[in-house]
Protein backbone atom coordinates (compact mmCIF):
# COMPACT_ATOMS: atom_id res chain seq x y z
CA UNK A 1 -6.26 2.52 19.86
CA UNK A 2 -7.15 0.20 16.97
CA UNK A 3 -4.20 -1.16 15.07
CA UNK A 4 -3.41 -3.18 11.99
CA UNK A 5 -0.51 -5.59 12.46
CA UNK A 6 1.51 -7.94 10.31
CA UNK A 7 4.23 -10.40 11.16
CA UNK A 8 7.55 -9.76 9.44
CA UNK A 9 11.26 -10.46 9.49
CA UNK A 10 13.88 -7.75 10.04
CA UNK A 11 16.06 -7.54 6.94
CA UNK A 12 18.46 -4.83 8.09
CA UNK A 13 18.93 -2.32 10.90
CA UNK A 14 20.57 1.05 10.32
CA UNK A 15 20.70 3.38 13.31
CA UNK A 16 17.20 3.99 14.58
CA UNK A 17 15.47 2.48 11.53
CA UNK A 18 14.79 -1.10 10.54
CA UNK A 19 13.68 -2.54 7.23
CA UNK A 20 11.12 -5.30 7.76
CA UNK A 21 10.03 -7.82 5.12
CA UNK A 22 6.34 -8.66 5.28
CA UNK A 23 5.03 -11.55 3.19
CA UNK A 24 1.37 -11.23 2.32
CA UNK A 25 -0.61 -14.13 0.97
CA UNK A 26 -3.80 -14.22 -1.02
CA UNK A 27 -6.58 -16.50 0.18
CA UNK A 28 -5.57 -18.97 -2.48
CA UNK A 29 -2.09 -19.42 -1.06
CA UNK A 30 -3.42 -21.66 1.73
CA UNK A 31 -5.13 -23.97 -0.76
CA UNK A 32 -3.76 -27.50 -1.10
CA UNK A 33 -3.95 -27.28 -4.90
CA UNK A 34 -1.97 -24.05 -5.26
CA UNK A 35 0.95 -25.79 -6.99
CA UNK A 36 -1.36 -26.73 -9.86
CA UNK A 37 -3.18 -23.43 -10.06
CA UNK A 38 -1.97 -20.09 -11.37
CA UNK A 39 -4.36 -18.13 -9.15
CA UNK A 40 -2.34 -18.25 -5.92
CA UNK A 41 -0.38 -15.13 -5.05
CA UNK A 42 2.32 -14.28 -2.56
CA UNK A 43 3.96 -10.84 -2.34
CA UNK A 44 6.83 -9.59 -0.29
CA UNK A 45 6.71 -5.99 0.89
CA UNK A 46 9.42 -4.02 2.60
CA UNK A 47 8.51 -1.50 5.28
CA UNK A 48 10.83 0.97 6.94
CA UNK A 49 10.12 1.16 10.67
CA UNK A 50 11.24 3.84 13.11
CA UNK A 51 12.63 2.16 16.23
CA UNK A 52 11.73 3.48 19.65
CA UNK A 53 14.40 4.38 22.18
CA UNK A 54 15.97 1.31 23.80
CA UNK A 55 14.26 -0.97 21.26
CA UNK A 56 16.77 -3.49 20.04
CA UNK A 57 16.22 -5.70 17.03
CA UNK A 58 18.68 -7.47 14.79
CA UNK A 59 18.67 -8.94 11.30
CA UNK A 60 16.51 -12.07 11.09
CA UNK A 61 14.31 -11.28 14.11
CA UNK A 62 10.61 -12.07 13.73
CA UNK A 63 8.63 -8.94 14.66
CA UNK A 64 5.08 -7.64 14.68
CA UNK A 65 4.80 -4.46 12.55
CA UNK A 66 1.93 -2.21 13.57
CA UNK A 67 0.21 0.87 12.09
CA UNK A 68 -2.75 2.76 13.52
CA UNK A 69 -6.11 1.81 12.01
CA UNK A 70 -6.79 5.42 10.98
CA UNK A 71 -3.53 5.56 9.06
CA UNK A 72 -4.34 2.27 7.33
CA UNK A 73 -7.77 3.60 6.40
CA UNK A 74 -6.20 6.78 4.98
CA UNK A 75 -3.80 4.69 2.88
CA UNK A 76 -6.73 2.72 1.41
CA UNK A 77 -8.58 5.97 0.64
CA UNK A 78 -5.51 7.46 -1.11
CA UNK A 79 -4.67 4.32 -3.05
CA UNK A 80 -8.14 3.01 -4.01
CA UNK A 81 -11.12 5.25 -3.20
CA UNK A 82 -9.92 8.56 -4.65
CA UNK A 83 -8.69 7.03 -7.95
CA UNK A 84 -12.04 5.25 -8.42
CA UNK A 85 -13.91 8.51 -7.79
CA UNK A 86 -11.65 10.39 -10.24
CA UNK A 87 -12.02 7.66 -12.88
CA UNK A 88 -15.84 7.46 -12.65
CA UNK A 89 -16.21 11.26 -12.41
CA UNK A 90 -14.07 11.89 -15.48
CA UNK A 91 -15.69 9.10 -17.39
CA UNK A 92 -19.20 10.39 -16.69
CA UNK A 93 -18.14 14.00 -17.30
CA UNK A 94 -16.47 13.23 -20.62
CA UNK A 95 -19.43 11.13 -21.74
CA UNK A 96 -21.82 13.97 -20.78
CA UNK A 97 -19.82 16.24 -23.07
CA UNK A 98 -20.56 13.83 -25.92
CA UNK A 99 -16.99 12.68 -26.46
CA UNK A 100 -16.43 9.26 -27.98
CA UNK A 101 -16.19 6.28 -25.65
CA UNK A 102 -12.54 5.86 -26.54
CA UNK A 103 -11.74 9.48 -25.74
CA UNK A 104 -13.75 9.34 -22.49
CA UNK A 105 -11.71 6.28 -21.44
CA UNK A 106 -8.44 7.98 -22.33
CA UNK A 107 -9.43 11.09 -20.34
CA UNK A 108 -10.39 9.00 -17.31
CA UNK A 109 -7.13 7.03 -17.42
CA UNK A 110 -5.12 10.22 -17.88
CA UNK A 111 -6.86 11.67 -14.80
CA UNK A 112 -5.80 8.69 -12.71
CA UNK A 113 -2.26 8.91 -14.11
CA UNK A 114 -2.13 12.60 -13.13
CA UNK A 115 -3.42 11.77 -9.64
CA UNK A 116 -0.72 9.13 -9.07
CA UNK A 117 1.93 11.48 -10.47
CA UNK A 118 0.84 14.10 -7.90
CA UNK A 119 1.03 11.46 -5.16
CA UNK A 120 4.54 10.59 -6.34
CA UNK A 121 5.61 14.25 -6.26
CA UNK A 122 4.41 14.55 -2.65
CA UNK A 123 5.75 11.10 -1.65
CA UNK A 124 8.04 12.34 1.14
CA UNK A 125 5.33 14.48 2.70
CA UNK A 126 2.79 11.63 2.53
CA UNK A 127 5.22 9.01 3.88
CA UNK A 128 5.75 11.13 6.97
CA UNK A 129 2.10 10.71 7.88
CA UNK A 130 2.29 6.92 7.93
CA UNK A 131 4.30 5.66 10.88
CA UNK A 132 4.95 1.94 11.32
CA UNK A 133 6.39 0.64 14.54
CA UNK A 134 7.44 -2.67 16.05
CA UNK A 135 5.40 -4.01 18.93
C-alpha cells in the first residue's frame, strides 16, 4: 500500500486519540538567505490521529504520521481540483451568457464559496474518510 508520511511531534494524548503537530516547510525554508527574504514559509498543522490498540505514545514523542496515498489524492482533488473546475466552468458559462467580466468573476467566486460552504457542512462526514495513523 502506498503511503504519504510526515514526521511530527505528539502535542497531547487523550484516550485513544493523539494530536500531532506537523511542521511543513516550503522549498525556500532550506535556503541560507531565508532570514533576509520574505519568501520563505513554514506552517504548523495539527492532525488528530486514532491510536491502534496497545500503541503507546506520550506528549513530546517524535512520530511518523501516515495516510494512505489514495486518501491523500482524494484530499487534493477536494481541496484544489474541484474548485478550479467549478471556477473555470462558471467563468466560461457566465461569459458565454454575455455577462460583464466583473459579474462573471463574482459568479465564479460565489460558486467556489458555495462549494467550500458545502464542504464545511459535511465536514464530519468527510473527516471520517481520512484516517491518519502513527507508524
